[in-house]
C-alpha atoms as a PDB file:
ATOM      1  CA  MET A   1      -1.496 -20.499   9.919  1.00  0.00           C
ATOM      2  CA  LYS A   2      -4.606 -18.669   8.711  1.00  0.00           C
ATOM      3  CA  LYS A   3      -4.515 -17.449   5.114  1.00  0.00           C
ATOM      4  CA  TYR A   4      -6.172 -14.164   4.227  1.00  0.00           C
ATOM      5  CA  GLN A   5      -7.803 -13.153   0.962  1.00  0.00           C
ATOM      6  CA  ILE A   6      -6.146 -10.113  -0.625  1.00  0.00           C
ATOM      7  CA  VAL A   7      -8.486  -7.453  -2.028  1.00  0.00           C
ATOM      8  CA  ILE A   8      -6.977  -4.477  -3.856  1.00  0.00           C
ATOM      9  CA  THR A   9      -9.312  -1.505  -4.173  1.00  0.00           C
ATOM     10  CA  SER A  10      -9.621   0.229  -7.525  1.00  0.00           C
ATOM     11  CA  GLU A  11      -7.877   3.275  -6.024  1.00  0.00           C
ATOM     12  CA  ALA A  12      -4.901   1.175  -4.891  1.00  0.00           C
ATOM     13  CA  GLU A  13      -4.780  -0.551  -8.274  1.00  0.00           C
ATOM     14  CA  LYS A  14      -4.645   2.860  -9.954  1.00  0.00           C
ATOM     15  CA  ASP A  15      -1.902   3.908  -7.520  1.00  0.00           C
ATOM     16  CA  ILE A  16       0.201   0.906  -8.572  1.00  0.00           C
ATOM     17  CA  PHE A  17      -0.270   1.610 -12.277  1.00  0.00           C
ATOM     18  CA  ASP A  18       0.592   5.277 -11.686  1.00  0.00           C
ATOM     19  CA  ILE A  19       3.840   4.282  -9.957  1.00  0.00           C
ATOM     20  CA  TYR A  20       4.692   1.945 -12.835  1.00  0.00           C
ATOM     21  CA  ASP A  21       3.936   4.600 -15.463  1.00  0.00           C
ATOM     22  CA  TYR A  22       5.910   7.265 -13.638  1.00  0.00           C
ATOM     23  CA  ILE A  23       9.014   5.078 -13.309  1.00  0.00           C
ATOM     24  CA  ALA A  24       8.734   3.849 -16.908  1.00  0.00           C
ATOM     25  CA  LYS A  25       8.619   7.461 -18.167  1.00  0.00           C
ATOM     26  CA  LYS A  26      11.169   9.031 -15.804  1.00  0.00           C
ATOM     27  CA  ASP A  27      13.596   6.110 -15.473  1.00  0.00           C
ATOM     28  CA  THR A  28      13.565   2.803 -17.324  1.00  0.00           C
ATOM     29  CA  LEU A  29      11.030   0.138 -18.160  1.00  0.00           C
ATOM     30  CA  GLN A  30      13.284  -2.369 -16.401  1.00  0.00           C
ATOM     31  CA  ASN A  31      13.136  -0.406 -13.140  1.00  0.00           C
ATOM     32  CA  ALA A  32       9.366   0.011 -13.495  1.00  0.00           C
ATOM     33  CA  GLU A  33       9.019  -3.774 -13.873  1.00  0.00           C
ATOM     34  CA  TYR A  34      11.296  -4.327 -10.868  1.00  0.00           C
ATOM     35  CA  VAL A  35       9.253  -2.030  -8.605  1.00  0.00           C
ATOM     36  CA  LEU A  36       5.942  -3.432  -9.881  1.00  0.00           C
ATOM     37  CA  GLY A  37       7.063  -7.006  -9.235  1.00  0.00           C
ATOM     38  CA  ASN A  38       8.216  -6.186  -5.728  1.00  0.00           C
ATOM     39  CA  LEU A  39       5.044  -4.270  -4.881  1.00  0.00           C
ATOM     40  CA  GLU A  40       2.907  -7.154  -6.112  1.00  0.00           C
ATOM     41  CA  SER A  41       4.962  -9.662  -4.092  1.00  0.00           C
ATOM     42  CA  LEU A  42       4.751  -7.449  -1.022  1.00  0.00           C
ATOM     43  CA  ILE A  43       0.983  -7.118  -1.275  1.00  0.00           C
ATOM     44  CA  LEU A  44       0.462 -10.825  -1.922  1.00  0.00           C
ATOM     45  CA  SER A  45       2.650 -11.629   1.086  1.00  0.00           C
ATOM     46  CA  LEU A  46      -0.075 -10.101   3.268  1.00  0.00           C
ATOM     47  CA  ALA A  47      -1.981 -13.374   2.929  1.00  0.00           C
ATOM     48  CA  GLU A  48       0.170 -14.649   5.817  1.00  0.00           C
ATOM     49  CA  PRO A  49       0.393 -12.897   8.445  1.00  0.00           C
ATOM     50  CA  PRO A  50      -0.969  -9.424   7.699  1.00  0.00           C
ATOM     51  CA  GLU A  51      -0.708  -8.321  11.324  1.00  0.00           C
ATOM     52  CA  ARG A  52       3.035  -7.790  10.859  1.00  0.00           C
ATOM     53  CA  GLY A  53       2.533  -4.315   9.377  1.00  0.00           C
ATOM     54  CA  HIS A  54       2.761  -1.156  11.446  1.00  0.00           C
ATOM     55  CA  TYR A  55       0.361   1.739  11.910  1.00  0.00           C
ATOM     56  CA  PRO A  56       0.894   4.607   9.459  1.00  0.00           C
ATOM     57  CA  PRO A  57       2.246   7.399  11.689  1.00  0.00           C
ATOM     58  CA  GLU A  58       0.107  10.062   9.993  1.00  0.00           C
ATOM     59  CA  LEU A  59      -3.048   8.163  10.973  1.00  0.00           C
ATOM     60  CA  SER A  60      -1.793   6.840  14.292  1.00  0.00           C
ATOM     61  CA  VAL A  61      -1.240  10.333  15.712  1.00  0.00           C
ATOM     62  CA  GLN A  62      -4.915  11.010  15.024  1.00  0.00           C
ATOM     63  CA  GLY A  63      -5.911   7.873  16.920  1.00  0.00           C
ATOM     64  CA  ILE A  64      -6.800   5.924  13.762  1.00  0.00           C
ATOM     65  CA  LYS A  65      -5.628   2.356  14.326  1.00  0.00           C
ATOM     66  CA  GLU A  66      -7.644   0.289  11.845  1.00  0.00           C
ATOM     67  CA  PHE A  67      -5.063   0.660   9.069  1.00  0.00           C
ATOM     68  CA  LYS A  68      -1.602  -0.846   8.796  1.00  0.00           C
ATOM     69  CA  GLU A  69       1.174  -0.461   6.298  1.00  0.00           C
ATOM     70  CA  ILE A  70       4.089  -2.359   4.853  1.00  0.00           C
ATOM     71  CA  ASN A  71       6.904  -0.933   2.807  1.00  0.00           C
ATOM     72  CA  PHE A  72       9.116  -1.706  -0.146  1.00  0.00           C
ATOM     73  CA  LYS A  73      11.883   0.870  -0.272  1.00  0.00           C
ATOM     74  CA  LEU A  74      10.073   4.248  -0.400  1.00  0.00           C
ATOM     75  CA  TYR A  75       6.717   2.741  -1.384  1.00  0.00           C
ATOM     76  CA  ARG A  76       3.947   2.264   1.151  1.00  0.00           C
ATOM     77  CA  ALA A  77       1.003  -0.120   0.921  1.00  0.00           C
ATOM     78  CA  ILE A  78      -1.741   0.790   3.400  1.00  0.00           C
ATOM     79  CA  TYR A  79      -4.380  -1.794   4.229  1.00  0.00           C
ATOM     80  CA  GLU A  80      -6.894  -2.961   6.779  1.00  0.00           C
ATOM     81  CA  ILE A  81      -7.785  -6.410   7.998  1.00  0.00           C
ATOM     82  CA  ILE A  82     -11.492  -7.221   8.037  1.00  0.00           C
ATOM     83  CA  GLY A  83     -12.321 -10.769   9.011  1.00  0.00           C
ATOM     84  CA  SER A  84     -10.410 -13.045   6.660  1.00  0.00           C
ATOM     85  CA  LYS A  85      -9.710 -10.288   4.121  1.00  0.00           C
ATOM     86  CA  VAL A  86      -6.848  -7.871   3.718  1.00  0.00           C
ATOM     87  CA  ILE A  87      -8.084  -4.813   1.870  1.00  0.00           C
ATOM     88  CA  VAL A  88      -5.329  -2.736   0.275  1.00  0.00           C
ATOM     89  CA  HIS A  89      -6.513   0.866   0.044  1.00  0.00           C
ATOM     90  CA  LEU A  90      -3.416   2.742  -1.000  1.00  0.00           C
ATOM     91  CA  CYS A  91      -0.040   2.089  -2.575  1.00  0.00           C
ATOM     92  CA  VAL A  92       2.115   5.185  -3.034  1.00  0.00           C
ATOM     93  CA  ASP A  93       5.563   6.682  -3.009  1.00  0.00           C
ATOM     94  CA  GLY A  94       6.142   7.727   0.593  1.00  0.00           C
ATOM     95  CA  ARG A  95       7.828  10.972  -0.520  1.00  0.00           C
ATOM     96  CA  ARG A  96       4.424  12.381  -1.447  1.00  0.00           C
ATOM     97  CA  ASP A  97       2.497  14.661   0.898  1.00  0.00           C
ATOM     98  CA  MET A  98       1.184  11.717   2.889  1.00  0.00           C
ATOM     99  CA  LYS A  99      -0.757  13.763   5.431  1.00  0.00           C
ATOM    100  CA  THR A 100      -2.929  15.363   2.735  1.00  0.00           C
ATOM    101  CA  LEU A 101      -3.230  12.159   0.731  1.00  0.00           C
ATOM    102  CA  LEU A 102      -4.290  10.086   3.742  1.00  0.00           C
ATOM    103  CA  GLU A 103      -6.745  12.730   4.865  1.00  0.00           C
ATOM    104  CA  ARG A 104      -8.374  12.692   1.419  1.00  0.00           C
ATOM    105  CA  ARG A 105      -8.601   8.913   1.309  1.00  0.00           C
ATOM    106  CA  PHE A 106      -9.360   7.982   4.916  1.00  0.00           C
ATOM    107  CA  ILE A 107     -10.568  11.004   6.872  1.00  0.00           C
ATOM    108  CA  ARG A 108     -13.686  12.330   5.233  1.00  0.00           C
END
């Protein structure tokens, strides 16, 4: 099975740290660590096979099919596959205003 290189953009990295900080402040450090660990595992699991994700519905309805997403609970990691790389562009709590957020990040 082909293995893909995982690339996390600086924006997605900031998203992950923001999630961690938010949970650590609003809940517990233990829960922040739990979510962080699961998000990292989820993203790293994209090395084999990244095609298993689904199209983000907010982009799909606009005919944008180059991005896929995978989820851990309410959290969404949105990525694209380019050659042998998986580029993670976004990692956020899915309860946010996803339409506006995705438009700002992907539809310019």
